[in-house]
Amino acid sequence: MGLNVGKGIEVKLRLRRDGSDLDFIPYEEVLDTMLHELCHNERGPHDAQFYKLWDELRKVRGLLCILMFRQGVLCTSGGITLAYSTPRQCRS
């Protein structure tokens, strides 16, 4: 689903499943693949260090979603959406 060329010179991610222009891969899978490929910027082989880094990035991603939620933004499998329809200063 992904490919990292030259330690991040190019990162390619598949957005659609093979053989179907209308069958998009879920956002969460694409995001996790992107984190995987970004790990290759730091670590090439799939070894313990690589998987440790990938786990750390997944944790950071989770924390970012928590912080974004507190600011009125939702991270869902459909992507990132605003949780509120009113401007922030208007909310009580």
PDB file of N, CA and C in Angstrom:
ATOM      1  N   MET A   1       0.802  -1.194   0.000  1.00  0.00           N
ATOM      2  CA  MET A   1       0.000   0.000   0.000  1.00  0.00           C
ATOM      3  C   MET A   1       0.847   1.261   0.000  1.00  0.00           C
ATOM      4  N   GLY A   2       2.147   1.139   0.312  1.00  0.00           N
ATOM      5  CA  GLY A   2       2.996   2.316   0.336  1.00  0.00           C
ATOM      6  C   GLY A   2       4.407   1.993  -0.108  1.00  0.00           C
ATOM      7  N   LEU A   3       5.135   3.046  -0.436  1.00  0.00           N
ATOM      8  CA  LEU A   3       6.515   2.894  -0.881  1.00  0.00           C
ATOM      9  C   LEU A   3       7.284   4.149  -0.513  1.00  0.00           C
ATOM     10  N   ASN A   4       8.452   3.976   0.086  1.00  0.00           N
ATOM     11  CA  ASN A   4       9.328   5.082   0.437  1.00  0.00           C
ATOM     12  C   ASN A   4      10.562   4.974  -0.443  1.00  0.00           C
ATOM     13  N   VAL A   5      10.829   6.018  -1.219  1.00  0.00           N
ATOM     14  CA  VAL A   5      11.962   6.033  -2.139  1.00  0.00           C
ATOM     15  C   VAL A   5      12.998   7.024  -1.625  1.00  0.00           C
ATOM     16  N   GLY A   6      14.222   6.554  -1.430  1.00  0.00           N
ATOM     17  CA  GLY A   6      15.317   7.444  -1.065  1.00  0.00           C
ATOM     18  C   GLY A   6      15.176   8.097   0.288  1.00  0.00           C
ATOM     19  N   LYS A   7      14.728   7.343   1.282  1.00  0.00           N
ATOM     20  CA  LYS A   7      14.554   7.860   2.645  1.00  0.00           C
ATOM     21  C   LYS A   7      13.711   9.132   2.665  1.00  0.00           C
ATOM     22  N   GLY A   8      12.606   9.093   1.966  1.00  0.00           N
ATOM     23  CA  GLY A   8      11.643  10.190   2.025  1.00  0.00           C
ATOM     24  C   GLY A   8      11.689  11.168   0.875  1.00  0.00           C
ATOM     25  N   ILE A   9      12.577  10.944  -0.076  1.00  0.00           N
ATOM     26  CA  ILE A   9      12.569  11.816  -1.255  1.00  0.00           C
ATOM     27  C   ILE A   9      11.202  11.721  -1.923  1.00  0.00           C
ATOM     28  N   GLU A  10      10.676  10.509  -1.920  1.00  0.00           N
ATOM     29  CA  GLU A  10       9.345  10.253  -2.453  1.00  0.00           C
ATOM     30  C   GLU A  10       8.657   9.231  -1.563  1.00  0.00           C
ATOM     31  N   VAL A  11       7.434   9.519  -1.150  1.00  0.00           N
ATOM     32  CA  VAL A  11       6.613   8.557  -0.414  1.00  0.00           C
ATOM     33  C   VAL A  11       5.327   8.388  -1.209  1.00  0.00           C
ATOM     34  N   LYS A  12       5.069   7.157  -1.607  1.00  0.00           N
ATOM     35  CA  LYS A  12       3.882   6.865  -2.414  1.00  0.00           C
ATOM     36  C   LYS A  12       2.887   6.082  -1.571  1.00  0.00           C
ATOM     37  N   LEU A  13       1.626   6.498  -1.620  1.00  0.00           N
ATOM     38  CA  LEU A  13       0.562   5.830  -0.880  1.00  0.00           C
ATOM     39  C   LEU A  13      -0.562   5.470  -1.826  1.00  0.00           C
ATOM     40  N   ARG A  14      -1.054   4.269  -1.686  1.00  0.00           N
ATOM     41  CA  ARG A  14      -2.193   3.829  -2.495  1.00  0.00           C
ATOM     42  C   ARG A  14      -3.474   4.313  -1.820  1.00  0.00           C
ATOM     43  N   LEU A  15      -4.330   4.964  -2.573  1.00  0.00           N
ATOM     44  CA  LEU A  15      -5.594   5.466  -2.037  1.00  0.00           C
ATOM     45  C   LEU A  15      -6.779   4.597  -2.419  1.00  0.00           C
ATOM     46  N   ARG A  16      -6.622   3.833  -3.509  1.00  0.00           N
ATOM     47  CA  ARG A  16      -7.705   2.958  -3.982  1.00  0.00           C
ATOM     48  C   ARG A  16      -7.238   1.511  -3.991  1.00  0.00           C
ATOM     49  N   ARG A  17      -8.180   0.616  -3.824  1.00  0.00           N
ATOM     50  CA  ARG A  17      -7.859  -0.815  -3.895  1.00  0.00           C
ATOM     51  C   ARG A  17      -7.611  -1.194  -5.352  1.00  0.00           C
ATOM     52  N   ASP A  18      -6.814  -2.234  -5.550  1.00  0.00           N
ATOM     53  CA  ASP A  18      -6.513  -2.715  -6.900  1.00  0.00           C
ATOM     54  C   ASP A  18      -7.790  -3.025  -7.670  1.00  0.00           C
ATOM     55  N   GLY A  19      -7.831  -2.563  -8.899  1.00  0.00           N
ATOM     56  CA  GLY A  19      -8.918  -2.931  -9.802  1.00  0.00           C
ATOM     57  C   GLY A  19     -10.218  -2.186  -9.601  1.00  0.00           C
ATOM     58  N   SER A  20     -10.235  -1.156  -8.754  1.00  0.00           N
ATOM     59  CA  SER A  20     -11.479  -0.430  -8.535  1.00  0.00           C
ATOM     60  C   SER A  20     -11.198   1.046  -8.321  1.00  0.00           C
ATOM     61  N   ASP A  21     -11.698   1.861  -9.234  1.00  0.00           N
ATOM     62  CA  ASP A  21     -11.528   3.304  -9.105  1.00  0.00           C
ATOM     63  C   ASP A  21     -12.419   3.887  -8.020  1.00  0.00           C
ATOM     64  N   LEU A  22     -13.448   3.157  -7.604  1.00  0.00           N
ATOM     65  CA  LEU A  22     -14.406   3.684  -6.628  1.00  0.00           C
ATOM     66  C   LEU A  22     -14.228   3.109  -5.228  1.00  0.00           C
ATOM     67  N   ASP A  23     -13.340   2.141  -5.068  1.00  0.00           N
ATOM     68  CA  ASP A  23     -13.150   1.489  -3.775  1.00  0.00           C
ATOM     69  C   ASP A  23     -11.936   2.091  -3.073  1.00  0.00           C
ATOM     70  N   PHE A  24     -12.178   3.151  -2.298  1.00  0.00           N
ATOM     71  CA  PHE A  24     -11.090   3.828  -1.608  1.00  0.00           C
ATOM     72  C   PHE A  24     -10.697   3.076  -0.336  1.00  0.00           C
ATOM     73  N   ILE A  25      -9.421   3.080  -0.044  1.00  0.00           N
ATOM     74  CA  ILE A  25      -8.905   2.479   1.186  1.00  0.00           C
ATOM     75  C   ILE A  25      -9.286   3.415   2.330  1.00  0.00           C
ATOM     76  N   PRO A  26      -9.739   2.877   3.454  1.00  0.00           N
ATOM     77  CA  PRO A  26     -10.132   3.726   4.575  1.00  0.00           C
ATOM     78  C   PRO A  26      -9.001   4.655   5.031  1.00  0.00           C
ATOM     79  N   TYR A  27      -9.389   5.837   5.461  1.00  0.00           N
ATOM     80  CA  TYR A  27      -8.471   6.879   5.916  1.00  0.00           C
ATOM     81  C   TYR A  27      -7.472   6.337   6.939  1.00  0.00           C
ATOM     82  N   GLU A  28      -7.947   5.603   7.940  1.00  0.00           N
ATOM     83  CA  GLU A  28      -7.081   5.089   8.998  1.00  0.00           C
ATOM     84  C   GLU A  28      -5.980   4.191   8.431  1.00  0.00           C
ATOM     85  N   GLU A  29      -6.311   3.371   7.446  1.00  0.00           N
ATOM     86  CA  GLU A  29      -5.304   2.492   6.834  1.00  0.00           C
ATOM     87  C   GLU A  29      -4.270   3.295   6.062  1.00  0.00           C
ATOM     88  N   VAL A  30      -4.721   4.305   5.328  1.00  0.00           N
ATOM     89  CA  VAL A  30      -3.792   5.145   4.561  1.00  0.00           C
ATOM     90  C   VAL A  30      -2.876   5.899   5.520  1.00  0.00           C
ATOM     91  N   LEU A  31      -3.448   6.438   6.597  1.00  0.00           N
ATOM     92  CA  LEU A  31      -2.646   7.171   7.573  1.00  0.00           C
ATOM     93  C   LEU A  31      -1.616   6.257   8.232  1.00  0.00           C
ATOM     94  N   ASP A  32      -2.013   5.053   8.608  1.00  0.00           N
ATOM     95  CA  ASP A  32      -1.079   4.126   9.228  1.00  0.00           C
ATOM     96  C   ASP A  32       0.024   3.725   8.252  1.00  0.00           C
ATOM     97  N   THR A  33      -0.328   3.554   6.983  1.00  0.00           N
ATOM     98  CA  THR A  33       0.676   3.247   5.960  1.00  0.00           C
ATOM     99  C   THR A  33       1.649   4.412   5.807  1.00  0.00           C
ATOM    100  N   MET A  34       1.125   5.640   5.852  1.00  0.00           N
ATOM    101  CA  MET A  34       1.997   6.808   5.747  1.00  0.00           C
ATOM    102  C   MET A  34       2.980   6.841   6.919  1.00  0.00           C
ATOM    103  N   LEU A  35       2.498   6.574   8.135  1.00  0.00           N
ATOM    104  CA  LEU A  35       3.395   6.538   9.289  1.00  0.00           C
ATOM    105  C   LEU A  35       4.459   5.457   9.108  1.00  0.00           C
ATOM    106  N   HIS A  36       4.049   4.300   8.592  1.00  0.00           N
ATOM    107  CA  HIS A  36       4.984   3.204   8.317  1.00  0.00           C
ATOM    108  C   HIS A  36       6.078   3.668   7.352  1.00  0.00           C
ATOM    109  N   GLU A  37       5.653   4.285   6.262  1.00  0.00           N
ATOM    110  CA  GLU A  37       6.620   4.723   5.251  1.00  0.00           C
ATOM    111  C   GLU A  37       7.522   5.826   5.783  1.00  0.00           C
ATOM    112  N   LEU A  38       6.994   6.706   6.621  1.00  0.00           N
ATOM    113  CA  LEU A  38       7.826   7.761   7.202  1.00  0.00           C
ATOM    114  C   LEU A  38       8.872   7.181   8.148  1.00  0.00           C
ATOM    115  N   CYS A  39       8.569   6.065   8.771  1.00  0.00           N
ATOM    116  CA  CYS A  39       9.568   5.386   9.628  1.00  0.00           C
ATOM    117  C   CYS A  39      10.788   4.979   8.817  1.00  0.00           C
ATOM    118  N   HIS A  40      10.570   4.682   7.544  1.00  0.00           N
ATOM    119  CA  HIS A  40      11.698   4.288   6.689  1.00  0.00           C
ATOM    120  C   HIS A  40      12.656   5.454   6.444  1.00  0.00           C
ATOM    121  N   ASN A  41      12.239   6.687   6.705  1.00  0.00           N
ATOM    122  CA  ASN A  41      13.172   7.817   6.615  1.00  0.00           C
ATOM    123  C   ASN A  41      14.276   7.666   7.648  1.00  0.00           C
ATOM    124  N   GLU A  42      13.934   7.080   8.790  1.00  0.00           N
ATOM    125  CA  GLU A  42      14.862   6.910   9.894  1.00  0.00           C
ATOM    126  C   GLU A  42      15.491   5.517   9.922  1.00  0.00           C
ATOM    127  N   ARG A  43      14.698   4.511   9.608  1.00  0.00           N
ATOM    128  CA  ARG A  43      15.132   3.120   9.756  1.00  0.00           C
ATOM    129  C   ARG A  43      14.678   2.308   8.558  1.00  0.00           C
ATOM    130  N   GLY A  44      15.601   1.699   7.845  1.00  0.00           N
ATOM    131  CA  GLY A  44      15.261   0.950   6.648  1.00  0.00           C
ATOM    132  C   GLY A  44      14.624  -0.405   6.899  1.00  0.00           C
ATOM    133  N   PRO A  45      15.336  -1.293   7.606  1.00  0.00           N
ATOM    134  CA  PRO A  45      14.803  -2.650   7.755  1.00  0.00           C
ATOM    135  C   PRO A  45      13.642  -2.730   8.748  1.00  0.00           C
ATOM    136  N   HIS A  46      12.811  -3.726   8.541  1.00  0.00           N
ATOM    137  CA  HIS A  46      11.698  -3.984   9.460  1.00  0.00           C
ATOM    138  C   HIS A  46      12.218  -4.785  10.653  1.00  0.00           C
ATOM    139  N   ASP A  47      12.870  -4.088  11.562  1.00  0.00           N
ATOM    140  CA  ASP A  47      13.413  -4.743  12.748  1.00  0.00           C
ATOM    141  C   ASP A  47      12.768  -4.154  13.997  1.00  0.00           C
ATOM    142  N   ALA A  48      13.257  -4.541  15.160  1.00  0.00           N
ATOM    143  CA  ALA A  48      12.661  -4.087  16.421  1.00  0.00           C
ATOM    144  C   ALA A  48      12.695  -2.568  16.546  1.00  0.00           C
ATOM    145  N   GLN A  49      13.782  -1.937  16.113  1.00  0.00           N
ATOM    146  CA  GLN A  49      13.877  -0.470  16.180  1.00  0.00           C
ATOM    147  C   GLN A  49      12.834   0.193  15.283  1.00  0.00           C
ATOM    148  N   PHE A  50      12.639  -0.378  14.114  1.00  0.00           N
ATOM    149  CA  PHE A  50      11.640   0.151  13.183  1.00  0.00           C
ATOM    150  C   PHE A  50      10.245   0.096  13.819  1.00  0.00           C
ATOM    151  N   TYR A  51       9.879  -1.071  14.357  1.00  0.00           N
ATOM    152  CA  TYR A  51       8.542  -1.230  14.930  1.00  0.00           C
ATOM    153  C   TYR A  51       8.355  -0.387  16.184  1.00  0.00           C
ATOM    154  N   LYS A  52       9.420  -0.157  16.929  1.00  0.00           N
ATOM    155  CA  LYS A  52       9.345   0.728  18.093  1.00  0.00           C
ATOM    156  C   LYS A  52       9.040   2.157  17.636  1.00  0.00           C
ATOM    157  N   LEU A  53       9.721   2.618  16.606  1.00  0.00           N
ATOM    158  CA  LEU A  53       9.485   3.956  16.070  1.00  0.00           C
ATOM    159  C   LEU A  53       8.061   4.082  15.536  1.00  0.00           C
ATOM    160  N   TRP A  54       7.593   3.076  14.821  1.00  0.00           N
ATOM    161  CA  TRP A  54       6.231   3.087  14.272  1.00  0.00           C
ATOM    162  C   TRP A  54       5.213   3.184  15.408  1.00  0.00           C
ATOM    163  N   ASP A  55       5.423   2.413  16.468  1.00  0.00           N
ATOM    164  CA  ASP A  55       4.523   2.480  17.629  1.00  0.00           C
ATOM    165  C   ASP A  55       4.529   3.866  18.264  1.00  0.00           C
ATOM    166  N   GLU A  56       5.713   4.486  18.339  1.00  0.00           N
ATOM    167  CA  GLU A  56       5.807   5.837  18.899  1.00  0.00           C
ATOM    168  C   GLU A  56       5.028   6.841  18.053  1.00  0.00           C
ATOM    169  N   LEU A  57       5.154   6.729  16.736  1.00  0.00           N
ATOM    170  CA  LEU A  57       4.408   7.632  15.854  1.00  0.00           C
ATOM    171  C   LEU A  57       2.904   7.412  15.983  1.00  0.00           C
ATOM    172  N   ARG A  58       2.487   6.178  16.142  1.00  0.00           N
ATOM    173  CA  ARG A  58       1.062   5.895  16.339  1.00  0.00           C
ATOM    174  C   ARG A  58       0.560   6.531  17.632  1.00  0.00           C
ATOM    175  N   LYS A  59       1.371   6.492  18.680  1.00  0.00           N
ATOM    176  CA  LYS A  59       0.985   7.116  19.955  1.00  0.00           C
ATOM    177  C   LYS A  59       0.871   8.622  19.799  1.00  0.00           C
ATOM    178  N   VAL A  60       1.832   9.233  19.122  1.00  0.00           N
ATOM    179  CA  VAL A  60       1.800  10.677  18.891  1.00  0.00           C
ATOM    180  C   VAL A  60       0.558  11.050  18.087  1.00  0.00           C
ATOM    181  N   ARG A  61       0.251  10.267  17.078  1.00  0.00           N
ATOM    182  CA  ARG A  61      -0.952  10.506  16.271  1.00  0.00           C
ATOM    183  C   ARG A  61      -2.196  10.462  17.153  1.00  0.00           C
ATOM    184  N   GLY A  62      -2.261   9.510  18.071  1.00  0.00           N
ATOM    185  CA  GLY A  62      -3.394   9.422  18.990  1.00  0.00           C
ATOM    186  C   GLY A  62      -3.487  10.632  19.894  1.00  0.00           C
ATOM    187  N   LEU A  63      -2.344  11.086  20.408  1.00  0.00           N
ATOM    188  CA  LEU A  63      -2.335  12.276  21.262  1.00  0.00           C
ATOM    189  C   LEU A  63      -2.763  13.520  20.480  1.00  0.00           C
ATOM    190  N   LEU A  64      -2.320  13.624  19.231  1.00  0.00           N
ATOM    191  CA  LEU A  64      -2.730  14.760  18.409  1.00  0.00           C
ATOM    192  C   LEU A  64      -4.241  14.780  18.206  1.00  0.00           C
ATOM    193  N   CYS A  65      -4.829  13.603  18.014  1.00  0.00           N
ATOM    194  CA  CYS A  65      -6.280  13.541  17.850  1.00  0.00           C
ATOM    195  C   CYS A  65      -6.994  13.976  19.123  1.00  0.00           C
ATOM    196  N   ILE A  66      -6.449  13.613  20.273  1.00  0.00           N
ATOM    197  CA  ILE A  66      -7.048  14.053  21.540  1.00  0.00           C
ATOM    198  C   ILE A  66      -6.974  15.569  21.655  1.00  0.00           C
ATOM    199  N   LEU A  67      -5.807  16.137  21.357  1.00  0.00           N
ATOM    200  CA  LEU A  67      -5.655  17.596  21.427  1.00  0.00           C
ATOM    201  C   LEU A  67      -6.553  18.300  20.421  1.00  0.00           C
ATOM    202  N   MET A  68      -6.654  17.740  19.221  1.00  0.00           N
ATOM    203  CA  MET A  68      -7.516  18.338  18.200  1.00  0.00           C
ATOM    204  C   MET A  68      -8.977  18.272  18.628  1.00  0.00           C
ATOM    205  N   PHE A  69      -9.389  17.169  19.253  1.00  0.00           N
ATOM    206  CA  PHE A  69     -10.762  17.029  19.729  1.00  0.00           C
ATOM    207  C   PHE A  69     -11.070  18.123  20.747  1.00  0.00           C
ATOM    208  N   ARG A  70     -10.123  18.410  21.611  1.00  0.00           N
ATOM    209  CA  ARG A  70     -10.313  19.467  22.608  1.00  0.00           C
ATOM    210  C   ARG A  70     -10.474  20.840  21.961  1.00  0.00           C
ATOM    211  N   GLN A  71      -9.967  20.979  20.753  1.00  0.00           N
ATOM    212  CA  GLN A  71     -10.097  22.236  20.018  1.00  0.00           C
ATOM    213  C   GLN A  71     -11.296  22.237  19.072  1.00  0.00           C
ATOM    214  N   GLY A  72     -12.095  21.173  19.113  1.00  0.00           N
ATOM    215  CA  GLY A  72     -13.294  21.116  18.287  1.00  0.00           C
ATOM    216  C   GLY A  72     -13.115  20.434  16.948  1.00  0.00           C
ATOM    217  N   VAL A  73     -12.092  19.590  16.824  1.00  0.00           N
ATOM    218  CA  VAL A  73     -11.840  18.878  15.579  1.00  0.00           C
ATOM    219  C   VAL A  73     -11.889  17.383  15.878  1.00  0.00           C
ATOM    220  N   LEU A  74     -12.586  16.626  15.036  1.00  0.00           N
ATOM    221  CA  LEU A  74     -12.694  15.187  15.228  1.00  0.00           C
ATOM    222  C   LEU A  74     -11.807  14.443  14.242  1.00  0.00           C
ATOM    223  N   CYS A  75     -11.085  13.445  14.716  1.00  0.00           N
ATOM    224  CA  CYS A  75     -10.334  12.525  13.862  1.00  0.00           C
ATOM    225  C   CYS A  75     -11.163  11.252  13.773  1.00  0.00           C
ATOM    226  N   THR A  76     -11.679  10.950  12.611  1.00  0.00           N
ATOM    227  CA  THR A  76     -12.505   9.757  12.442  1.00  0.00           C
ATOM    228  C   THR A  76     -11.997   8.963  11.262  1.00  0.00           C
ATOM    229  N   SER A  77     -12.587   7.804  11.050  1.00  0.00           N
ATOM    230  CA  SER A  77     -12.181   6.990   9.911  1.00  0.00           C
ATOM    231  C   SER A  77     -12.521   7.670   8.595  1.00  0.00           C
ATOM    232  N   GLY A  78     -13.401   8.668   8.630  1.00  0.00           N
ATOM    233  CA  GLY A  78     -13.736   9.414   7.423  1.00  0.00           C
ATOM    234  C   GLY A  78     -12.825  10.591   7.192  1.00  0.00           C
ATOM    235  N   GLY A  79     -11.879  10.806   8.084  1.00  0.00           N
ATOM    236  CA  GLY A  79     -10.960  11.921   7.948  1.00  0.00           C
ATOM    237  C   GLY A  79     -11.069  12.854   9.138  1.00  0.00           C
ATOM    238  N   ILE A  80     -10.730  14.084   8.937  1.00  0.00           N
ATOM    239  CA  ILE A  80     -10.763  15.075  10.007  1.00  0.00           C
ATOM    240  C   ILE A  80     -11.913  16.030   9.714  1.00  0.00           C
ATOM    241  N   THR A  81     -12.784  16.210  10.692  1.00  0.00           N
ATOM    242  CA  THR A  81     -13.936  17.086  10.514  1.00  0.00           C
ATOM    243  C   THR A  81     -14.072  18.014  11.703  1.00  0.00           C
ATOM    244  N   LEU A  82     -14.706  19.161  11.474  1.00  0.00           N
ATOM    245  CA  LEU A  82     -14.969  20.089  12.566  1.00  0.00           C
ATOM    246  C   LEU A  82     -16.100  19.549  13.412  1.00  0.00           C
ATOM    247  N   ALA A  83     -15.932  19.596  14.714  1.00  0.00           N
ATOM    248  CA  ALA A  83     -16.957  19.087  15.620  1.00  0.00           C
ATOM    249  C   ALA A  83     -18.000  20.150  15.929  1.00  0.00           C
ATOM    250  N   TYR A  84     -17.686  21.402  15.709  1.00  0.00           N
ATOM    251  CA  TYR A  84     -18.588  22.492  16.050  1.00  0.00           C
ATOM    252  C   TYR A  84     -18.893  23.313  14.801  1.00  0.00           C
ATOM    253  N   SER A  85     -20.091  23.835  14.753  1.00  0.00           N
ATOM    254  CA  SER A  85     -20.463  24.642  13.594  1.00  0.00           C
ATOM    255  C   SER A  85     -20.400  26.123  13.913  1.00  0.00           C
ATOM    256  N   THR A  86     -20.187  26.479  15.186  1.00  0.00           N
ATOM    257  CA  THR A  86     -20.118  27.882  15.556  1.00  0.00           C
ATOM    258  C   THR A  86     -18.671  28.269  15.823  1.00  0.00           C
ATOM    259  N   PRO A  87     -18.323  29.536  15.622  1.00  0.00           N
ATOM    260  CA  PRO A  87     -16.949  29.963  15.893  1.00  0.00           C
ATOM    261  C   PRO A  87     -16.583  29.700  17.352  1.00  0.00           C
ATOM    262  N   ARG A  88     -15.351  29.460  17.588  1.00  0.00           N
ATOM    263  CA  ARG A  88     -14.874  29.108  18.906  1.00  0.00           C
ATOM    264  C   ARG A  88     -15.215  30.141  19.970  1.00  0.00           C
ATOM    265  N   GLN A  89     -15.062  31.419  19.668  1.00  0.00           N
ATOM    266  CA  GLN A  89     -15.319  32.450  20.660  1.00  0.00           C
ATOM    267  C   GLN A  89     -16.801  32.563  21.013  1.00  0.00           C
ATOM    268  N   CYS A  90     -17.686  32.005  20.220  1.00  0.00           N
ATOM    269  CA  CYS A  90     -19.126  32.059  20.491  1.00  0.00           C
ATOM    270  C   CYS A  90     -19.584  30.921  21.392  1.00  0.00           C
ATOM    271  N   ARG A  91     -18.769  29.920  21.571  1.00  0.00           N
ATOM    272  CA  ARG A  91     -19.158  28.797  22.417  1.00  0.00           C
ATOM    273  C   ARG A  91     -18.987  29.155  23.875  1.00  0.00           C
ATOM    274  N   SER A  92     -19.864  28.622  24.713  1.00  0.00           N
ATOM    275  CA  SER A  92     -19.725  28.897  26.159  1.00  0.00           C
ATOM    276  C   SER A  92     -18.976  27.782  26.832  1.00  0.00           C
TER     277      SER A  92
END
